[in-house]
Amino acid sequence: MESIWLEYAWTLLILIGLEGLLSADNALVLAVIAKHLPESQKKKAINYGIIMAFVFRFAALFAISFIANVWQVQAIGAAYLLYLGLKHIIQARFGKENENIHKDDEKETAGKGFWPTVGKIAVADLAFAIDSILAAVALALGLPDSPVEDFGGMDGGQFIVVVLGGLAGLILIKYAATWFVQLLDKRPALETTAYAIVAWVGVKLAVITLAHEDIGILDHDFPHSTAWNLIFYGVLVGIALIGWFAPGNKSVNSKR
């Protein structure tokens, strides 16, 4: 039983770290989109953005049970996470510079008024809320069943992990986003690392989908097997280490 709770705690720790990086990227996007506005409007637009990020991420928590039980939604979620992660990785790999990934957002928004800018921020916040809840569900569904009573058709322990991860995202985007933004400024490769993790979490959700009882391509117990968990967490830790120790992390900052 203790090993189960250790796995839950480890997964929650990973989720909080991922939520922190996504929250930081969310904050970066808000700053980039509102960059062209006058200073007074810029602050107001970013404040609106933070409020909307709270609302969307909180609302996303109510979609947990639906995502956890409908394989079609899981399949769409897996495809979306893979698309999101791979798109970002390709942009970072073949684009001009890693830190210019959000440049298109700035160009598209430049010259637009206050409310169109707020609307674009809302769309960005909604996308990040979807990313957040899908990543949390994908990680939680791979956990073994807990002794906690089911809630809303989902294992109680898994539900708690998703809720705590979602709450962590809300807290981090409000209070810790600045620290994560500074961390990304020193280690810009971590942004691409976060999206590589998002893509890998998409693979996990795809595995869960393929093992769904209505699909049956993979064995129903495979997502919970020791072999798959060793592969998943081994690759995940490897991605994180590569991103942290990637050469040129500090040199990019020094060139500015």
Protein backbone atom coordinates (compact mmCIF):
# COMPACT_ATOMS: atom_id res chain seq x y z
CA MET A 1 0.00 0.00 0.00
CA GLU A 2 2.85 2.39 0.82
CA SER A 3 4.30 1.90 -2.67
CA ILE A 4 1.00 3.06 -4.19
CA TRP A 5 1.05 6.30 -2.19
CA LEU A 6 4.70 6.86 -3.11
CA GLU A 7 3.73 6.56 -6.77
CA TYR A 8 0.87 9.00 -6.21
CA ALA A 9 3.18 11.47 -4.46
CA TRP A 10 5.81 11.18 -7.22
CA THR A 11 3.18 11.74 -9.92
CA LEU A 12 1.79 14.77 -8.07
CA LEU A 13 5.29 16.24 -7.76
CA ILE A 14 5.87 15.81 -11.51
CA LEU A 15 2.47 17.35 -12.24
CA ILE A 16 3.16 20.38 -10.05
CA GLY A 17 6.49 20.94 -11.83
CA LEU A 18 4.81 20.64 -15.23
CA GLU A 19 2.01 22.97 -14.11
CA GLY A 20 4.65 25.47 -13.02
CA LEU A 21 6.32 25.47 -16.43
CA LEU A 22 2.97 25.69 -18.24
CA SER A 23 1.94 28.54 -15.93
CA ALA A 24 5.20 30.34 -16.67
CA ASP A 25 4.69 29.88 -20.40
CA ASN A 26 1.11 31.12 -19.97
CA ALA A 27 2.48 34.23 -18.25
CA LEU A 28 5.04 34.73 -21.03
CA VAL A 29 2.30 34.54 -23.66
CA LEU A 30 0.20 37.11 -21.79
CA ALA A 31 3.17 39.48 -21.67
CA VAL A 32 3.95 39.01 -25.37
CA ILE A 33 0.36 39.46 -26.55
CA ALA A 34 -0.11 42.64 -24.49
CA LYS A 35 3.33 44.05 -25.30
CA HIS A 36 2.12 46.56 -27.92
CA LEU A 37 -0.43 48.21 -25.61
CA PRO A 38 0.25 51.42 -23.64
CA GLU A 39 1.64 50.72 -20.16
CA SER A 40 -1.64 51.39 -18.32
CA GLN A 41 -3.64 49.17 -20.69
CA LYS A 42 -0.93 46.53 -20.70
CA LYS A 43 -1.17 46.02 -16.93
CA LYS A 44 -4.97 45.92 -17.12
CA ALA A 45 -4.92 43.37 -19.99
CA ILE A 46 -2.46 41.13 -18.12
CA ASN A 47 -4.60 41.34 -14.96
CA TYR A 48 -7.65 40.35 -17.01
CA GLY A 49 -5.56 37.52 -18.43
CA ILE A 50 -4.68 36.20 -14.98
CA ILE A 51 -8.34 36.36 -13.91
CA MET A 52 -9.44 34.48 -17.05
CA ALA A 53 -6.67 31.92 -16.54
CA PHE A 54 -8.09 31.30 -13.06
CA VAL A 55 -11.65 30.96 -14.36
CA PHE A 56 -10.77 28.64 -17.26
CA ARG A 57 -8.50 26.37 -15.19
CA PHE A 58 -11.07 26.16 -12.39
CA ALA A 59 -13.82 25.37 -14.92
CA ALA A 60 -11.60 22.69 -16.47
CA LEU A 61 -11.62 20.81 -13.16
CA PHE A 62 -15.30 20.04 -13.71
CA ALA A 63 -14.42 18.18 -16.93
CA ILE A 64 -12.25 15.62 -15.12
CA SER A 65 -14.76 12.77 -14.93
CA PHE A 66 -15.89 13.29 -18.53
CA ILE A 67 -12.33 13.12 -19.85
CA ALA A 68 -11.51 10.14 -17.62
CA ASN A 69 -14.40 7.97 -18.79
CA VAL A 70 -14.97 8.71 -22.51
CA TRP A 71 -12.33 7.08 -24.73
CA GLN A 72 -13.16 9.36 -27.68
CA VAL A 73 -12.30 12.41 -25.56
CA GLN A 74 -9.12 10.67 -24.40
CA ALA A 75 -8.15 9.97 -28.02
CA ILE A 76 -8.74 13.61 -29.02
CA GLY A 77 -6.82 14.73 -25.95
CA ALA A 78 -3.88 12.45 -26.78
CA ALA A 79 -3.78 13.75 -30.36
CA TYR A 80 -3.96 17.35 -29.13
CA LEU A 81 -1.15 16.95 -26.59
CA LEU A 82 1.05 15.25 -29.20
CA TYR A 83 0.29 18.00 -31.72
CA LEU A 84 0.93 20.76 -29.19
CA GLY A 85 4.19 19.31 -27.93
CA LEU A 86 5.61 18.31 -31.31
CA LYS A 87 4.63 21.63 -32.90
CA HIS A 88 6.51 23.52 -30.23
CA ILE A 89 9.55 21.22 -30.46
CA ILE A 90 9.68 21.59 -34.25
CA GLN A 91 9.39 25.38 -33.96
CA ALA A 92 12.16 25.44 -31.37
CA ARG A 93 14.38 23.11 -33.41
CA PHE A 94 13.93 24.67 -36.83
CA GLY A 95 12.90 28.23 -35.90
CA LYS A 96 15.33 31.11 -35.64
CA GLU A 97 15.71 31.05 -31.84
CA ASN A 98 13.99 29.26 -28.97
CA GLU A 99 13.04 32.49 -27.23
CA ASN A 100 11.24 33.80 -30.35
CA ILE A 101 8.63 31.04 -30.42
CA HIS A 102 5.87 33.44 -29.33
CA LYS A 103 6.92 36.13 -31.81
CA ASP A 104 3.98 35.31 -34.09
CA ASP A 105 1.59 36.14 -31.24
CA GLU A 106 3.18 39.56 -30.92
CA LYS A 107 3.03 40.25 -34.67
CA GLU A 108 -0.59 39.12 -34.97
CA THR A 109 -1.67 41.28 -32.04
CA ALA A 110 0.36 44.41 -32.82
CA GLY A 111 -1.82 47.32 -33.89
CA LYS A 112 -4.97 45.87 -32.37
CA GLY A 113 -6.97 47.62 -29.67
CA PHE A 114 -7.43 46.77 -26.02
CA TRP A 115 -10.45 44.44 -26.23
CA PRO A 116 -9.24 42.45 -29.28
CA THR A 117 -6.01 41.93 -27.33
CA VAL A 118 -7.97 40.76 -24.27
CA GLY A 119 -9.91 38.39 -26.55
CA LYS A 120 -6.68 36.88 -27.85
CA ILE A 121 -5.43 36.51 -24.28
CA ALA A 122 -8.67 34.68 -23.44
CA VAL A 123 -8.11 32.20 -26.27
CA ALA A 124 -4.54 31.61 -25.07
CA ASP A 125 -5.75 31.10 -21.49
CA LEU A 126 -8.38 28.60 -22.65
CA ALA A 127 -5.75 26.64 -24.59
CA PHE A 128 -3.46 26.50 -21.55
CA ALA A 129 -6.36 25.40 -19.33
CA ILE A 130 -7.07 22.52 -21.73
CA ASP A 131 -3.36 21.62 -21.79
CA SER A 132 -3.27 21.63 -18.01
CA ILE A 133 -6.30 19.40 -17.41
CA LEU A 134 -5.39 16.93 -20.17
CA ALA A 135 -1.85 16.54 -18.84
CA ALA A 136 -3.16 16.04 -15.31
CA VAL A 137 -5.75 13.44 -16.38
CA ALA A 138 -3.21 11.57 -18.52
CA LEU A 139 -0.81 11.31 -15.60
CA ALA A 140 -3.52 10.39 -13.07
CA LEU A 141 -5.20 7.69 -15.18
CA GLY A 142 -1.92 5.79 -15.35
CA LEU A 143 -1.88 5.41 -11.57
CA PRO A 144 -3.09 2.20 -9.89
CA ASP A 145 -6.52 2.22 -8.26
CA SER A 146 -6.51 3.63 -4.74
CA PRO A 147 -8.56 2.64 -1.67
CA VAL A 148 -10.24 6.05 -1.80
CA GLU A 149 -13.92 5.91 -2.79
CA ASP A 150 -14.74 6.81 -6.41
CA PHE A 151 -15.84 10.36 -7.11
CA GLY A 152 -17.83 11.29 -10.20
CA GLY A 153 -17.08 7.95 -11.85
CA MET A 154 -13.32 8.34 -11.32
CA ASP A 155 -11.06 6.68 -8.77
CA GLY A 156 -10.96 8.93 -5.70
CA GLY A 157 -7.17 8.95 -5.42
CA GLN A 158 -6.72 9.81 -9.09
CA PHE A 159 -9.36 12.54 -8.79
CA ILE A 160 -7.50 14.08 -5.84
CA VAL A 161 -4.23 14.12 -7.82
CA VAL A 162 -5.89 15.94 -10.73
CA VAL A 163 -7.60 18.46 -8.43
CA LEU A 164 -4.39 19.15 -6.48
CA GLY A 165 -2.50 19.53 -9.74
CA GLY A 166 -5.14 21.94 -11.03
CA LEU A 167 -5.06 23.96 -7.81
CA ALA A 168 -1.27 24.04 -8.01
CA GLY A 169 -1.57 25.49 -11.51
CA LEU A 170 -3.87 28.23 -10.21
CA ILE A 171 -1.53 29.08 -7.35
CA LEU A 172 1.57 28.98 -9.54
CA ILE A 173 0.14 31.22 -12.26
CA LYS A 174 -0.69 33.81 -9.58
CA TYR A 175 2.30 33.65 -7.27
CA ALA A 176 5.14 31.61 -8.80
CA ALA A 177 4.86 32.42 -12.50
CA THR A 178 7.38 35.26 -12.14
CA TRP A 179 9.96 32.87 -10.65
CA PHE A 180 9.38 30.32 -13.41
CA VAL A 181 9.66 33.06 -16.04
CA GLN A 182 13.03 34.03 -14.56
CA LEU A 183 14.05 30.37 -14.57
CA LEU A 184 13.07 30.10 -18.23
CA ASP A 185 15.08 33.24 -18.93
CA LYS A 186 18.18 31.58 -17.47
CA ARG A 187 17.41 28.15 -18.92
CA PRO A 188 15.31 28.74 -22.08
CA ALA A 189 15.66 25.08 -23.09
CA LEU A 190 13.24 24.23 -20.26
CA GLU A 191 10.36 25.70 -22.28
CA THR A 192 10.95 23.18 -25.06
CA THR A 193 11.51 20.52 -22.39
CA ALA A 194 8.08 21.25 -20.90
CA TYR A 195 6.43 20.74 -24.27
CA ALA A 196 8.46 17.59 -24.89
CA ILE A 197 7.01 16.33 -21.61
CA VAL A 198 3.53 17.39 -22.78
CA ALA A 199 4.01 15.33 -25.96
CA TRP A 200 5.25 12.35 -23.92
CA VAL A 201 2.21 12.69 -21.63
CA GLY A 202 0.16 12.61 -24.85
CA VAL A 203 1.75 9.24 -25.60
CA LYS A 204 0.70 8.08 -22.14
CA LEU A 205 -2.88 9.18 -22.78
CA ALA A 206 -2.79 7.39 -26.15
CA VAL A 207 -1.68 4.19 -24.39
CA ILE A 208 -4.53 4.57 -21.90
CA THR A 209 -6.96 5.07 -24.81
CA LEU A 210 -5.70 1.98 -26.67
CA ALA A 211 -6.09 -0.06 -23.46
CA HIS A 212 -9.66 1.16 -22.89
CA GLU A 213 -12.09 -1.75 -22.59
CA ASP A 214 -14.05 -0.54 -25.63
CA ILE A 215 -10.89 -0.45 -27.78
CA GLY A 216 -8.84 -3.39 -26.53
CA ILE A 217 -5.81 -2.91 -28.80
CA LEU A 218 -3.58 -3.05 -25.73
CA ASP A 219 -4.13 -5.15 -22.63
CA HIS A 220 -6.40 -3.33 -20.16
CA ASP A 221 -3.79 -3.56 -17.39
CA PHE A 222 -0.83 -2.45 -19.52
CA PRO A 223 -1.00 1.28 -18.56
CA HIS A 224 -0.64 0.21 -14.91
CA SER A 225 2.11 -2.37 -15.50
CA THR A 226 5.54 -2.05 -13.95
CA ALA A 227 7.25 -2.28 -17.34
CA TRP A 228 5.28 0.62 -18.85
CA ASN A 229 5.68 2.78 -15.74
CA LEU A 230 9.44 2.22 -15.77
CA ILE A 231 9.55 3.20 -19.45
CA PHE A 232 7.31 6.24 -18.99
CA TYR A 233 9.02 7.69 -15.93
CA GLY A 234 12.47 6.77 -17.22
CA VAL A 235 11.90 8.70 -20.44
CA LEU A 236 10.25 11.56 -18.53
CA VAL A 237 13.21 11.95 -16.17
CA GLY A 238 15.57 11.71 -19.15
CA ILE A 239 13.74 14.55 -20.95
CA ALA A 240 13.86 16.69 -17.80
CA LEU A 241 17.59 16.10 -17.28
CA ILE A 242 18.40 16.85 -20.93
CA GLY A 243 16.44 20.12 -20.70
CA TRP A 244 18.07 21.15 -17.43
CA PHE A 245 21.64 20.43 -18.55
CA ALA A 246 21.19 21.44 -22.20
CA PRO A 247 24.27 23.32 -23.44
CA GLY A 248 23.82 27.01 -24.11
CA ASN A 249 21.13 27.57 -21.49
CA LYS A 250 22.97 30.45 -19.85
CA SER A 251 24.78 31.63 -22.96
CA VAL A 252 21.48 32.54 -24.62
CA ASN A 253 20.74 34.89 -21.73
CA SER A 254 24.18 36.42 -21.91
CA LYS A 255 23.77 37.32 -25.61
CA ARG A 256 20.83 39.63 -24.93
